[in-house]
Amino acid sequence: MQKNTEPVQEAINITPSQQMIASSMGALLTSFFVTPLDVVKIRLQAQSKPFIKGKCFVYCNGLMDHLCLCTNGNGKAWYRAPGHFRGTTDAFVQIIRNEGIKSLWSGLPPTLVMAVPATVIYFTCYDQLRDILIRSMPERAEIASLVAGATARLWSATLISPLELIRTKMQYRPLSYKELRQCIQSSVAKDGWLALWKGWGPTVLRDVPFSALYWHNYELVKQSLCQRYNTLQPTFAISFTAGAVSGSIAAIVTLPFDVVKTRRQVEVGELEMFTYSQKRSSSTWKLMRAIVIENGFGGLFAGLIPRLIKVAPACAIMISTYEFGKSFFRKLNNERQLKSL
């Protein structure tokens, strides 16, 4: 009975605004620590297989995808670091030496513009929904995290999707705010308001199952570790471990949808960059069939190791920071309550 009532007590002690602050800090720290890893990874990938001039590619720091365009044909794509990287450490050193340390955080500003509000909506909705579900059906508390995770991600993806469209347009073509407004107005006039949610389908197909699996496994692993170490509240290490494990499992299961979403992003980016066409790309299932025909079933799981390398630490940092923030506010609220008594 105690494990069912504990989340309810936590929700009473922590206000939604405090949950928002905790999730914001998690998004900031995750972006700060993981972005350099993905910048270096993309540089090393470009070195082994140079990007072709005019081709788009996607990189992701664990929170947000970035659509980029190769703007020259010298094999160095979008960066200026000369020479040959001998490995990860050498790449860090050369990038800092030739471009400055700020280059390790390329793409961070648009990440924060998108990641912070998306994460705030996502994590706050998850906690609130999970507590409501546990109170309304305590006999089915084990599925509360699964349903709440899927629903919270669906809401956040739907609300943030128009901002994602704006960010993508500004990435592949320099636009003033007036030009951006005109571009959006023309899209809406031609395709209706649903044009603002272009790309929503592949995003939901990847992120909703990921979130459902992630939160369900996270709660199970966290509960198991708490019982093993005889603690009611998860420590930073427990949250970090549970986040990494559950994130890895969810990343493996949903990888085919990530492969499809990446290909679709690149395809749409190149179409709009060079033809400004409104042509609709193939459906998710047609793209999956095409990938299987071209590369076999294994093609749906391409890039598994790189995805795990970025998703596992991103999930671990995000959830452990979030849990630490909630623990801090819970303790603060309890102290205030004691003083008032």
C-alpha atoms as a PDB file:
ATOM      1  CA  MET A   1       0.000   0.000   0.000  1.00  0.00           C
ATOM      2  CA  GLN A   2       2.849   2.357   0.767  1.00  0.00           C
ATOM      3  CA  LYS A   3       4.262   2.272  -2.761  1.00  0.00           C
ATOM      4  CA  ASN A   4       0.878   3.339  -4.169  1.00  0.00           C
ATOM      5  CA  THR A   5       0.404   6.304  -1.846  1.00  0.00           C
ATOM      6  CA  GLU A   6       3.961   7.627  -1.959  1.00  0.00           C
ATOM      7  CA  PRO A   7       3.611   9.421  -5.342  1.00  0.00           C
ATOM      8  CA  VAL A   8       0.375  11.046  -4.128  1.00  0.00           C
ATOM      9  CA  GLN A   9       2.153  12.402  -1.077  1.00  0.00           C
ATOM     10  CA  GLU A  10       4.963  13.670  -3.291  1.00  0.00           C
ATOM     11  CA  ALA A  11       2.469  15.524  -5.512  1.00  0.00           C
ATOM     12  CA  ILE A  12       0.933  17.207  -2.430  1.00  0.00           C
ATOM     13  CA  ASN A  13       4.323  18.367  -1.168  1.00  0.00           C
ATOM     14  CA  ILE A  14       5.544  19.702  -4.522  1.00  0.00           C
ATOM     15  CA  THR A  15       3.661  22.334  -6.503  1.00  0.00           C
ATOM     16  CA  PRO A  16       3.429  22.280 -10.320  1.00  0.00           C
ATOM     17  CA  SER A  17       5.554  25.433 -10.476  1.00  0.00           C
ATOM     18  CA  GLN A  18       8.299  23.663  -8.498  1.00  0.00           C
ATOM     19  CA  GLN A  19       8.076  20.695 -10.876  1.00  0.00           C
ATOM     20  CA  MET A  20       8.505  23.141 -13.762  1.00  0.00           C
ATOM     21  CA  ILE A  21      11.624  24.646 -12.189  1.00  0.00           C
ATOM     22  CA  ALA A  22      13.103  21.189 -11.565  1.00  0.00           C
ATOM     23  CA  SER A  23      12.433  20.063 -15.148  1.00  0.00           C
ATOM     24  CA  SER A  24      13.875  23.324 -16.539  1.00  0.00           C
ATOM     25  CA  MET A  25      17.111  22.738 -14.644  1.00  0.00           C
ATOM     26  CA  GLY A  26      17.215  19.189 -15.972  1.00  0.00           C
ATOM     27  CA  ALA A  27      16.803  20.389 -19.564  1.00  0.00           C
ATOM     28  CA  LEU A  28      19.525  23.024 -19.149  1.00  0.00           C
ATOM     29  CA  LEU A  29      22.045  20.599 -17.658  1.00  0.00           C
ATOM     30  CA  THR A  30      21.268  17.865 -20.185  1.00  0.00           C
ATOM     31  CA  SER A  31      21.716  20.264 -23.101  1.00  0.00           C
ATOM     32  CA  PHE A  32      24.929  21.650 -21.638  1.00  0.00           C
ATOM     33  CA  PHE A  33      26.596  18.280 -21.016  1.00  0.00           C
ATOM     34  CA  VAL A  34      25.362  16.241 -23.993  1.00  0.00           C
ATOM     35  CA  THR A  35      25.594  18.784 -26.835  1.00  0.00           C
ATOM     36  CA  PRO A  36      29.454  18.680 -27.016  1.00  0.00           C
ATOM     37  CA  LEU A  37      29.367  14.883 -27.252  1.00  0.00           C
ATOM     38  CA  ASP A  38      27.044  14.978 -30.230  1.00  0.00           C
ATOM     39  CA  VAL A  39      28.937  17.815 -31.940  1.00  0.00           C
ATOM     40  CA  VAL A  40      32.139  15.739 -31.765  1.00  0.00           C
ATOM     41  CA  LYS A  41      30.306  12.606 -32.903  1.00  0.00           C
ATOM     42  CA  ILE A  42      28.969  14.366 -36.002  1.00  0.00           C
ATOM     43  CA  ARG A  43      32.435  15.755 -36.806  1.00  0.00           C
ATOM     44  CA  LEU A  44      33.961  12.269 -36.621  1.00  0.00           C
ATOM     45  CA  GLN A  45      31.153  10.849 -38.782  1.00  0.00           C
ATOM     46  CA  ALA A  46      31.638  13.608 -41.364  1.00  0.00           C
ATOM     47  CA  GLN A  47      35.355  12.826 -41.449  1.00  0.00           C
ATOM     48  CA  SER A  48      34.831   9.161 -42.305  1.00  0.00           C
ATOM     49  CA  LYS A  49      31.975   9.895 -44.734  1.00  0.00           C
ATOM     50  CA  PRO A  50      32.017  13.572 -45.810  1.00  0.00           C
ATOM     51  CA  PHE A  51      28.702  15.299 -46.305  1.00  0.00           C
ATOM     52  CA  ILE A  52      27.958  16.268 -49.895  1.00  0.00           C
ATOM     53  CA  LYS A  53      27.365  19.907 -50.706  1.00  0.00           C
ATOM     54  CA  GLY A  54      23.666  20.724 -50.526  1.00  0.00           C
ATOM     55  CA  LYS A  55      22.790  17.654 -48.457  1.00  0.00           C
ATOM     56  CA  CYS A  56      20.994  17.876 -45.134  1.00  0.00           C
ATOM     57  CA  PHE A  57      21.849  15.874 -42.058  1.00  0.00           C
ATOM     58  CA  VAL A  58      20.414  15.603 -38.568  1.00  0.00           C
ATOM     59  CA  TYR A  59      22.149  15.623 -35.228  1.00  0.00           C
ATOM     60  CA  CYS A  60      20.550  15.349 -31.815  1.00  0.00           C
ATOM     61  CA  ASN A  61      21.822  16.078 -28.315  1.00  0.00           C
ATOM     62  CA  GLY A  62      19.330  13.781 -26.613  1.00  0.00           C
ATOM     63  CA  LEU A  63      16.634  16.432 -26.288  1.00  0.00           C
ATOM     64  CA  MET A  64      16.241  18.015 -29.715  1.00  0.00           C
ATOM     65  CA  ASP A  65      16.984  17.153 -33.348  1.00  0.00           C
ATOM     66  CA  HIS A  66      18.848  19.697 -35.485  1.00  0.00           C
ATOM     67  CA  LEU A  67      18.498  19.809 -39.254  1.00  0.00           C
ATOM     68  CA  CYS A  68      21.702  21.155 -40.842  1.00  0.00           C
ATOM     69  CA  LEU A  69      22.808  21.814 -44.397  1.00  0.00           C
ATOM     70  CA  CYS A  70      26.257  21.222 -45.866  1.00  0.00           C
ATOM     71  CA  THR A  71      27.045  24.548 -47.507  1.00  0.00           C
ATOM     72  CA  ASN A  72      30.396  23.803 -49.173  1.00  0.00           C
ATOM     73  CA  GLY A  73      32.006  21.019 -51.098  1.00  0.00           C
ATOM     74  CA  ASN A  74      35.409  20.671 -49.447  1.00  0.00           C
ATOM     75  CA  GLY A  75      34.464  17.695 -47.283  1.00  0.00           C
ATOM     76  CA  LYS A  76      34.428  19.747 -44.096  1.00  0.00           C
ATOM     77  CA  ALA A  77      30.694  20.410 -44.202  1.00  0.00           C
ATOM     78  CA  TRP A  78      29.620  23.067 -41.740  1.00  0.00           C
ATOM     79  CA  TYR A  79      32.777  23.338 -39.617  1.00  0.00           C
ATOM     80  CA  ARG A  80      36.184  24.970 -39.937  1.00  0.00           C
ATOM     81  CA  ALA A  81      38.505  22.686 -37.953  1.00  0.00           C
ATOM     82  CA  PRO A  82      41.358  21.631 -40.267  1.00  0.00           C
ATOM     83  CA  GLY A  83      43.350  18.437 -40.290  1.00  0.00           C
ATOM     84  CA  HIS A  84      42.389  14.927 -39.360  1.00  0.00           C
ATOM     85  CA  PHE A  85      40.874  13.883 -36.017  1.00  0.00           C
ATOM     86  CA  ARG A  86      42.654  10.887 -34.548  1.00  0.00           C
ATOM     87  CA  GLY A  87      39.872  10.172 -32.087  1.00  0.00           C
ATOM     88  CA  THR A  88      37.333  11.699 -29.723  1.00  0.00           C
ATOM     89  CA  THR A  89      39.879  13.388 -27.456  1.00  0.00           C
ATOM     90  CA  ASP A  90      41.823  14.798 -30.396  1.00  0.00           C
ATOM     91  CA  ALA A  91      38.563  16.122 -31.889  1.00  0.00           C
ATOM     92  CA  PHE A  92      37.775  17.967 -28.651  1.00  0.00           C
ATOM     93  CA  VAL A  93      41.259  19.488 -28.567  1.00  0.00           C
ATOM     94  CA  GLN A  94      41.323  20.566 -32.242  1.00  0.00           C
ATOM     95  CA  ILE A  95      37.822  22.037 -32.181  1.00  0.00           C
ATOM     96  CA  ILE A  96      38.624  24.100 -29.087  1.00  0.00           C
ATOM     97  CA  ARG A  97      42.020  25.167 -30.462  1.00  0.00           C
ATOM     98  CA  ASN A  98      40.803  26.164 -33.956  1.00  0.00           C
ATOM     99  CA  GLU A  99      37.235  27.304 -33.352  1.00  0.00           C
ATOM    100  CA  GLY A 100      37.016  28.165 -29.698  1.00  0.00           C
ATOM    101  CA  ILE A 101      35.267  26.331 -26.906  1.00  0.00           C
ATOM    102  CA  LYS A 102      31.879  27.788 -27.875  1.00  0.00           C
ATOM    103  CA  SER A 103      31.848  25.589 -30.983  1.00  0.00           C
ATOM    104  CA  LEU A 104      31.282  22.561 -28.768  1.00  0.00           C
ATOM    105  CA  TRP A 105      27.840  23.967 -28.048  1.00  0.00           C
ATOM    106  CA  SER A 106      26.831  24.578 -31.665  1.00  0.00           C
ATOM    107  CA  GLY A 107      23.064  24.576 -31.930  1.00  0.00           C
ATOM    108  CA  LEU A 108      22.518  25.069 -28.199  1.00  0.00           C
ATOM    109  CA  PRO A 109      20.388  28.268 -28.406  1.00  0.00           C
ATOM    110  CA  PRO A 110      17.668  26.726 -30.617  1.00  0.00           C
ATOM    111  CA  THR A 111      17.820  23.637 -28.434  1.00  0.00           C
ATOM    112  CA  LEU A 112      17.049  25.673 -25.330  1.00  0.00           C
ATOM    113  CA  VAL A 113      14.252  27.566 -27.075  1.00  0.00           C
ATOM    114  CA  MET A 114      12.582  24.238 -27.840  1.00  0.00           C
ATOM    115  CA  ALA A 115      13.808  21.896 -25.122  1.00  0.00           C
ATOM    116  CA  VAL A 116      12.961  23.945 -22.045  1.00  0.00           C
ATOM    117  CA  PRO A 117       9.241  24.524 -22.765  1.00  0.00           C
ATOM    118  CA  ALA A 118       8.841  21.004 -24.185  1.00  0.00           C
ATOM    119  CA  THR A 119      10.496  19.433 -21.150  1.00  0.00           C
ATOM    120  CA  VAL A 120       8.523  21.557 -18.702  1.00  0.00           C
ATOM    121  CA  ILE A 121       5.231  20.521 -20.300  1.00  0.00           C
ATOM    122  CA  TYR A 122       6.293  16.894 -20.604  1.00  0.00           C
ATOM    123  CA  PHE A 123       7.625  16.251 -17.097  1.00  0.00           C
ATOM    124  CA  THR A 124       5.017  18.309 -15.266  1.00  0.00           C
ATOM    125  CA  CYS A 125       2.156  16.656 -17.168  1.00  0.00           C
ATOM    126  CA  TYR A 126       3.646  13.232 -16.499  1.00  0.00           C
ATOM    127  CA  ASP A 127       3.826  13.692 -12.735  1.00  0.00           C
ATOM    128  CA  GLN A 128       0.376  15.244 -12.518  1.00  0.00           C
ATOM    129  CA  LEU A 129      -1.244  12.589 -14.722  1.00  0.00           C
ATOM    130  CA  ARG A 130       0.480   9.721 -12.947  1.00  0.00           C
ATOM    131  CA  ASP A 131      -0.721  10.915  -9.549  1.00  0.00           C
ATOM    132  CA  ILE A 132      -4.286  11.345 -10.850  1.00  0.00           C
ATOM    133  CA  LEU A 133      -4.279   7.849 -12.358  1.00  0.00           C
ATOM    134  CA  ILE A 134      -2.946   6.270  -9.167  1.00  0.00           C
ATOM    135  CA  ARG A 135      -5.630   7.977  -7.097  1.00  0.00           C
ATOM    136  CA  SER A 136      -8.423   7.052  -9.511  1.00  0.00           C
ATOM    137  CA  MET A 137      -7.432   3.405 -10.030  1.00  0.00           C
ATOM    138  CA  PRO A 138      -5.083   2.256  -7.245  1.00  0.00           C
ATOM    139  CA  GLU A 139      -5.598  -1.392  -8.239  1.00  0.00           C
ATOM    140  CA  ARG A 140      -3.951  -0.666 -11.630  1.00  0.00           C
ATOM    141  CA  ALA A 141      -1.156   1.568 -10.346  1.00  0.00           C
ATOM    142  CA  GLU A 142       1.473  -0.416 -12.255  1.00  0.00           C
ATOM    143  CA  ILE A 143       0.238   0.911 -15.631  1.00  0.00           C
ATOM    144  CA  ALA A 144      -0.129   4.525 -14.455  1.00  0.00           C
ATOM    145  CA  SER A 145       3.422   5.434 -15.490  1.00  0.00           C
ATOM    146  CA  LEU A 146       2.995   3.865 -18.929  1.00  0.00           C
ATOM    147  CA  VAL A 147      -0.271   5.702 -19.712  1.00  0.00           C
ATOM    148  CA  ALA A 148       0.907   8.973 -18.179  1.00  0.00           C
ATOM    149  CA  GLY A 149       4.211   8.875 -20.081  1.00  0.00           C
ATOM    150  CA  ALA A 150       2.531   8.293 -23.440  1.00  0.00           C
ATOM    151  CA  THR A 151      -0.153  10.940 -22.842  1.00  0.00           C
ATOM    152  CA  ALA A 152       2.281  13.585 -21.571  1.00  0.00           C
ATOM    153  CA  ARG A 153       4.553  13.121 -24.594  1.00  0.00           C
ATOM    154  CA  LEU A 154       1.576  13.302 -26.963  1.00  0.00           C
ATOM    155  CA  TRP A 155       0.480  16.614 -25.432  1.00  0.00           C
ATOM    156  CA  SER A 156       3.953  18.162 -25.408  1.00  0.00           C
ATOM    157  CA  ALA A 157       4.703  17.062 -28.998  1.00  0.00           C
ATOM    158  CA  THR A 158       1.393  18.507 -30.191  1.00  0.00           C
ATOM    159  CA  LEU A 159       1.851  21.838 -28.417  1.00  0.00           C
ATOM    160  CA  ILE A 160       5.497  22.283 -29.465  1.00  0.00           C
ATOM    161  CA  SER A 161       5.104  21.118 -33.080  1.00  0.00           C
ATOM    162  CA  PRO A 162       4.450  24.627 -34.537  1.00  0.00           C
ATOM    163  CA  LEU A 163       7.625  25.913 -32.837  1.00  0.00           C
ATOM    164  CA  GLU A 164       9.528  22.966 -34.304  1.00  0.00           C
ATOM    165  CA  LEU A 165       8.382  23.966 -37.797  1.00  0.00           C
ATOM    166  CA  ILE A 166       9.530  27.563 -37.265  1.00  0.00           C
ATOM    167  CA  ARG A 167      12.909  26.455 -35.886  1.00  0.00           C
ATOM    168  CA  THR A 168      13.499  24.086 -38.806  1.00  0.00           C
ATOM    169  CA  LYS A 169      12.695  26.778 -41.386  1.00  0.00           C
ATOM    170  CA  MET A 170      15.127  29.199 -39.740  1.00  0.00           C
ATOM    171  CA  GLN A 171      17.866  26.560 -39.690  1.00  0.00           C
ATOM    172  CA  TYR A 172      18.011  25.717 -43.372  1.00  0.00           C
ATOM    173  CA  ARG A 173      17.328  29.181 -44.806  1.00  0.00           C
ATOM    174  CA  PRO A 174      18.240  32.549 -43.238  1.00  0.00           C
ATOM    175  CA  LEU A 175      14.949  34.391 -42.746  1.00  0.00           C
ATOM    176  CA  SER A 176      14.027  37.675 -41.156  1.00  0.00           C
ATOM    177  CA  TYR A 177      11.049  37.629 -38.821  1.00  0.00           C
ATOM    178  CA  LYS A 178       8.961  39.313 -41.552  1.00  0.00           C
ATOM    179  CA  GLU A 179       9.969  36.668 -44.112  1.00  0.00           C
ATOM    180  CA  LEU A 180       9.331  33.928 -41.584  1.00  0.00           C
ATOM    181  CA  ARG A 181       5.831  35.270 -40.909  1.00  0.00           C
ATOM    182  CA  GLN A 182       5.111  35.456 -44.631  1.00  0.00           C
ATOM    183  CA  CYS A 183       6.437  31.924 -45.138  1.00  0.00           C
ATOM    184  CA  ILE A 184       4.196  30.553 -42.385  1.00  0.00           C
ATOM    185  CA  GLN A 185       1.176  32.520 -43.658  1.00  0.00           C
ATOM    186  CA  SER A 186       1.655  31.132 -47.170  1.00  0.00           C
ATOM    187  CA  SER A 187       1.939  27.581 -45.805  1.00  0.00           C
ATOM    188  CA  VAL A 188      -1.253  28.020 -43.788  1.00  0.00           C
ATOM    189  CA  ALA A 189      -3.071  29.606 -46.751  1.00  0.00           C
ATOM    190  CA  LYS A 190      -2.091  26.699 -49.017  1.00  0.00           C
ATOM    191  CA  ASP A 191      -2.433  23.701 -46.694  1.00  0.00           C
ATOM    192  CA  GLY A 192      -4.542  25.056 -43.827  1.00  0.00           C
ATOM    193  CA  TRP A 193      -3.656  25.273 -40.151  1.00  0.00           C
ATOM    194  CA  LEU A 194      -2.570  21.647 -40.167  1.00  0.00           C
ATOM    195  CA  ALA A 195       0.554  22.827 -41.994  1.00  0.00           C
ATOM    196  CA  LEU A 196       1.850  23.991 -38.600  1.00  0.00           C
ATOM    197  CA  TRP A 197       1.883  20.359 -37.474  1.00  0.00           C
ATOM    198  CA  LYS A 198       3.794  19.005 -40.459  1.00  0.00           C
ATOM    199  CA  GLY A 199       5.991  16.140 -39.313  1.00  0.00           C
ATOM    200  CA  TRP A 200       3.836  15.546 -36.227  1.00  0.00           C
ATOM    201  CA  GLY A 201       3.060  11.949 -37.220  1.00  0.00           C
ATOM    202  CA  PRO A 202       6.626  10.552 -37.347  1.00  0.00           C
ATOM    203  CA  THR A 203       7.504  12.463 -34.189  1.00  0.00           C
ATOM    204  CA  VAL A 204       4.580  10.945 -32.286  1.00  0.00           C
ATOM    205  CA  LEU A 205       5.269   7.442 -33.626  1.00  0.00           C
ATOM    206  CA  ARG A 206       8.797   7.641 -32.229  1.00  0.00           C
ATOM    207  CA  ASP A 207       8.368   9.676 -29.052  1.00  0.00           C
ATOM    208  CA  VAL A 208       5.076   8.355 -27.615  1.00  0.00           C
ATOM    209  CA  PRO A 209       6.137   4.660 -27.495  1.00  0.00           C
ATOM    210  CA  PHE A 210       9.576   5.764 -26.265  1.00  0.00           C
ATOM    211  CA  SER A 211       8.020   7.730 -23.395  1.00  0.00           C
ATOM    212  CA  ALA A 212       5.606   4.964 -22.433  1.00  0.00           C
ATOM    213  CA  LEU A 213       8.413   2.386 -22.258  1.00  0.00           C
ATOM    214  CA  TYR A 214      10.838   4.806 -20.635  1.00  0.00           C
ATOM    215  CA  TRP A 215       8.616   5.831 -17.715  1.00  0.00           C
ATOM    216  CA  HIS A 216       7.252   2.344 -17.119  1.00  0.00           C
ATOM    217  CA  ASN A 217      10.738   0.826 -16.956  1.00  0.00           C
ATOM    218  CA  TYR A 218      12.114   3.777 -15.006  1.00  0.00           C
ATOM    219  CA  GLU A 219       9.544   3.363 -12.235  1.00  0.00           C
ATOM    220  CA  LEU A 220      10.177  -0.390 -12.080  1.00  0.00           C
ATOM    221  CA  VAL A 221      13.973  -0.051 -11.963  1.00  0.00           C
ATOM    222  CA  LYS A 222      13.793   2.822  -9.476  1.00  0.00           C
ATOM    223  CA  GLN A 223      11.467   0.875  -7.180  1.00  0.00           C
ATOM    224  CA  SER A 224      13.689  -2.195  -7.378  1.00  0.00           C
ATOM    225  CA  LEU A 225      16.834  -0.200  -6.538  1.00  0.00           C
ATOM    226  CA  CYS A 226      15.108   1.645  -3.699  1.00  0.00           C
ATOM    227  CA  GLN A 227      14.060  -1.692  -2.185  1.00  0.00           C
ATOM    228  CA  ARG A 228      17.539  -3.099  -2.628  1.00  0.00           C
ATOM    229  CA  TYR A 229      19.184  -0.176  -0.839  1.00  0.00           C
ATOM    230  CA  ASN A 230      16.331   0.221   1.664  1.00  0.00           C
ATOM    231  CA  THR A 231      15.407   3.826   0.888  1.00  0.00           C
ATOM    232  CA  LEU A 232      11.982   5.404   0.393  1.00  0.00           C
ATOM    233  CA  GLN A 233      13.182   8.194  -1.907  1.00  0.00           C
ATOM    234  CA  PRO A 234      15.592   7.609  -4.814  1.00  0.00           C
ATOM    235  CA  THR A 235      19.103   8.913  -4.411  1.00  0.00           C
ATOM    236  CA  PHE A 236      20.888  10.729  -7.241  1.00  0.00           C
ATOM    237  CA  ALA A 237      22.758   7.514  -8.137  1.00  0.00           C
ATOM    238  CA  ILE A 238      19.552   5.453  -8.196  1.00  0.00           C
ATOM    239  CA  SER A 239      17.779   7.958 -10.458  1.00  0.00           C
ATOM    240  CA  PHE A 240      20.831   8.207 -12.726  1.00  0.00           C
ATOM    241  CA  THR A 241      21.101   4.431 -13.109  1.00  0.00           C
ATOM    242  CA  ALA A 242      17.372   3.889 -13.595  1.00  0.00           C
ATOM    243  CA  GLY A 243      17.250   6.679 -16.199  1.00  0.00           C
ATOM    244  CA  ALA A 244      20.169   5.256 -18.192  1.00  0.00           C
ATOM    245  CA  VAL A 245      18.775   1.697 -18.159  1.00  0.00           C
ATOM    246  CA  SER A 246      15.200   2.641 -19.056  1.00  0.00           C
ATOM    247  CA  GLY A 247      16.358   5.123 -21.705  1.00  0.00           C
ATOM    248  CA  SER A 248      18.534   2.469 -23.351  1.00  0.00           C
ATOM    249  CA  ILE A 249      15.695  -0.060 -23.475  1.00  0.00           C
ATOM    250  CA  ALA A 250      13.263   2.463 -24.956  1.00  0.00           C
ATOM    251  CA  ALA A 251      15.872   3.646 -27.494  1.00  0.00           C
ATOM    252  CA  ILE A 252      16.466   0.106 -28.781  1.00  0.00           C
ATOM    253  CA  VAL A 253      12.765  -0.722 -29.143  1.00  0.00           C
ATOM    254  CA  THR A 254      11.847   2.534 -30.906  1.00  0.00           C
ATOM    255  CA  LEU A 255      14.961   2.790 -33.112  1.00  0.00           C
ATOM    256  CA  PRO A 256      13.102   1.921 -36.375  1.00  0.00           C
ATOM    257  CA  PHE A 257      10.859   4.963 -35.897  1.00  0.00           C
ATOM    258  CA  ASP A 258      13.921   7.114 -35.191  1.00  0.00           C
ATOM    259  CA  VAL A 259      15.543   5.941 -38.434  1.00  0.00           C
ATOM    260  CA  VAL A 260      12.378   6.810 -40.374  1.00  0.00           C
ATOM    261  CA  LYS A 261      12.007  10.201 -38.707  1.00  0.00           C
ATOM    262  CA  THR A 262      15.634  11.102 -39.477  1.00  0.00           C
ATOM    263  CA  ARG A 263      15.296  10.133 -43.136  1.00  0.00           C
ATOM    264  CA  ARG A 264      12.052  12.061 -43.422  1.00  0.00           C
ATOM    265  CA  GLN A 265      13.544  15.172 -41.821  1.00  0.00           C
ATOM    266  CA  VAL A 266      16.459  15.131 -44.280  1.00  0.00           C
ATOM    267  CA  GLU A 267      14.144  14.523 -47.231  1.00  0.00           C
ATOM    268  CA  VAL A 268      11.775  17.373 -46.327  1.00  0.00           C
ATOM    269  CA  GLY A 269      14.673  19.717 -45.550  1.00  0.00           C
ATOM    270  CA  GLU A 270      16.296  19.169 -48.942  1.00  0.00           C
ATOM    271  CA  LEU A 271      12.984  19.551 -50.782  1.00  0.00           C
ATOM    272  CA  GLU A 272      12.225  22.874 -49.138  1.00  0.00           C
ATOM    273  CA  MET A 273      15.802  24.112 -49.368  1.00  0.00           C
ATOM    274  CA  PHE A 274      16.178  23.672 -53.092  1.00  0.00           C
ATOM    275  CA  THR A 275      12.682  23.566 -54.547  1.00  0.00           C
ATOM    276  CA  TYR A 276      10.577  25.085 -51.765  1.00  0.00           C
ATOM    277  CA  SER A 277       8.139  22.378 -52.689  1.00  0.00           C
ATOM    278  CA  GLN A 278       5.163  21.493 -50.573  1.00  0.00           C
ATOM    279  CA  LYS A 279       5.260  17.931 -51.873  1.00  0.00           C
ATOM    280  CA  ARG A 280       4.345  15.484 -49.155  1.00  0.00           C
ATOM    281  CA  SER A 281       6.915  12.810 -48.398  1.00  0.00           C
ATOM    282  CA  SER A 282       6.097   9.110 -48.249  1.00  0.00           C
ATOM    283  CA  SER A 283       4.192   7.734 -45.316  1.00  0.00           C
ATOM    284  CA  THR A 284       6.048   6.260 -42.355  1.00  0.00           C
ATOM    285  CA  TRP A 285       5.165   2.682 -43.311  1.00  0.00           C
ATOM    286  CA  LYS A 286       6.198   3.188 -46.965  1.00  0.00           C
ATOM    287  CA  LEU A 287       9.537   4.558 -45.798  1.00  0.00           C
ATOM    288  CA  MET A 288       9.989   1.533 -43.545  1.00  0.00           C
ATOM    289  CA  ARG A 289       9.322  -0.827 -46.448  1.00  0.00           C
ATOM    290  CA  ALA A 290      11.757   1.113 -48.632  1.00  0.00           C
ATOM    291  CA  ILE A 291      14.475   0.882 -45.968  1.00  0.00           C
ATOM    292  CA  VAL A 292      13.946  -2.882 -45.601  1.00  0.00           C
ATOM    293  CA  ILE A 293      14.113  -3.345 -49.394  1.00  0.00           C
ATOM    294  CA  GLU A 294      17.298  -1.263 -49.661  1.00  0.00           C
ATOM    295  CA  ASN A 295      19.211  -2.428 -46.584  1.00  0.00           C
ATOM    296  CA  GLY A 296      17.351  -5.412 -45.174  1.00  0.00           C
ATOM    297  CA  PHE A 297      15.613  -5.591 -41.810  1.00  0.00           C
ATOM    298  CA  GLY A 298      18.834  -4.473 -40.113  1.00  0.00           C
ATOM    299  CA  GLY A 299      18.503  -1.118 -41.838  1.00  0.00           C
ATOM    300  CA  LEU A 300      15.707  -0.224 -39.420  1.00  0.00           C
ATOM    301  CA  PHE A 301      18.225  -0.511 -36.577  1.00  0.00           C
ATOM    302  CA  ALA A 302      21.041   1.469 -38.182  1.00  0.00           C
ATOM    303  CA  GLY A 303      22.933   3.722 -35.791  1.00  0.00           C
ATOM    304  CA  LEU A 304      22.018   1.752 -32.676  1.00  0.00           C
ATOM    305  CA  ILE A 305      25.306   2.367 -30.836  1.00  0.00           C
ATOM    306  CA  PRO A 306      25.440   6.138 -31.531  1.00  0.00           C
ATOM    307  CA  ARG A 307      21.813   6.448 -30.411  1.00  0.00           C
ATOM    308  CA  LEU A 308      22.523   4.612 -27.163  1.00  0.00           C
ATOM    309  CA  ILE A 309      25.636   6.715 -26.555  1.00  0.00           C
ATOM    310  CA  LYS A 310      23.603   9.922 -26.622  1.00  0.00           C
ATOM    311  CA  VAL A 311      20.229   8.738 -25.269  1.00  0.00           C
ATOM    312  CA  ALA A 312      21.479   6.889 -22.180  1.00  0.00           C
ATOM    313  CA  PRO A 313      23.450   9.798 -20.647  1.00  0.00           C
ATOM    314  CA  ALA A 314      20.801  12.320 -21.716  1.00  0.00           C
ATOM    315  CA  CYS A 315      18.044  10.348 -19.966  1.00  0.00           C
ATOM    316  CA  ALA A 316      20.239   9.736 -16.929  1.00  0.00           C
ATOM    317  CA  ILE A 317      21.220  13.401 -16.508  1.00  0.00           C
ATOM    318  CA  MET A 318      17.699  14.664 -17.134  1.00  0.00           C
ATOM    319  CA  ILE A 319      15.851  12.377 -14.725  1.00  0.00           C
ATOM    320  CA  SER A 320      18.462  12.471 -11.939  1.00  0.00           C
ATOM    321  CA  THR A 321      18.510  16.286 -12.040  1.00  0.00           C
ATOM    322  CA  TYR A 322      14.717  16.356 -12.055  1.00  0.00           C
ATOM    323  CA  GLU A 323      14.457  13.956  -9.100  1.00  0.00           C
ATOM    324  CA  PHE A 324      17.127  15.913  -7.223  1.00  0.00           C
ATOM    325  CA  GLY A 325      15.182  19.126  -7.815  1.00  0.00           C
ATOM    326  CA  LYS A 326      11.961  17.549  -6.583  1.00  0.00           C
ATOM    327  CA  SER A 327      13.750  16.215  -3.512  1.00  0.00           C
ATOM    328  CA  PHE A 328      15.120  19.704  -2.806  1.00  0.00           C
ATOM    329  CA  PHE A 329      11.686  21.332  -3.052  1.00  0.00           C
ATOM    330  CA  ARG A 330      10.054  18.559  -1.032  1.00  0.00           C
ATOM    331  CA  LYS A 331      12.530  19.122   1.785  1.00  0.00           C
ATOM    332  CA  LEU A 332      12.096  22.894   1.511  1.00  0.00           C
ATOM    333  CA  ASN A 333       8.312  22.626   1.695  1.00  0.00           C
ATOM    334  CA  ASN A 334       8.476  20.282   4.672  1.00  0.00           C
ATOM    335  CA  GLU A 335      10.755  22.729   6.524  1.00  0.00           C
ATOM    336  CA  ARG A 336       8.362  25.578   5.808  1.00  0.00           C
ATOM    337  CA  GLN A 337       5.447  23.507   7.039  1.00  0.00           C
ATOM    338  CA  LEU A 338       7.270  22.666  10.264  1.00  0.00           C
ATOM    339  CA  LYS A 339       8.094  26.345  10.851  1.00  0.00           C
ATOM    340  CA  SER A 340       4.485  27.353  10.345  1.00  0.00           C
ATOM    341  CA  LEU A 341       3.401  24.772  12.937  1.00  0.00           C
END
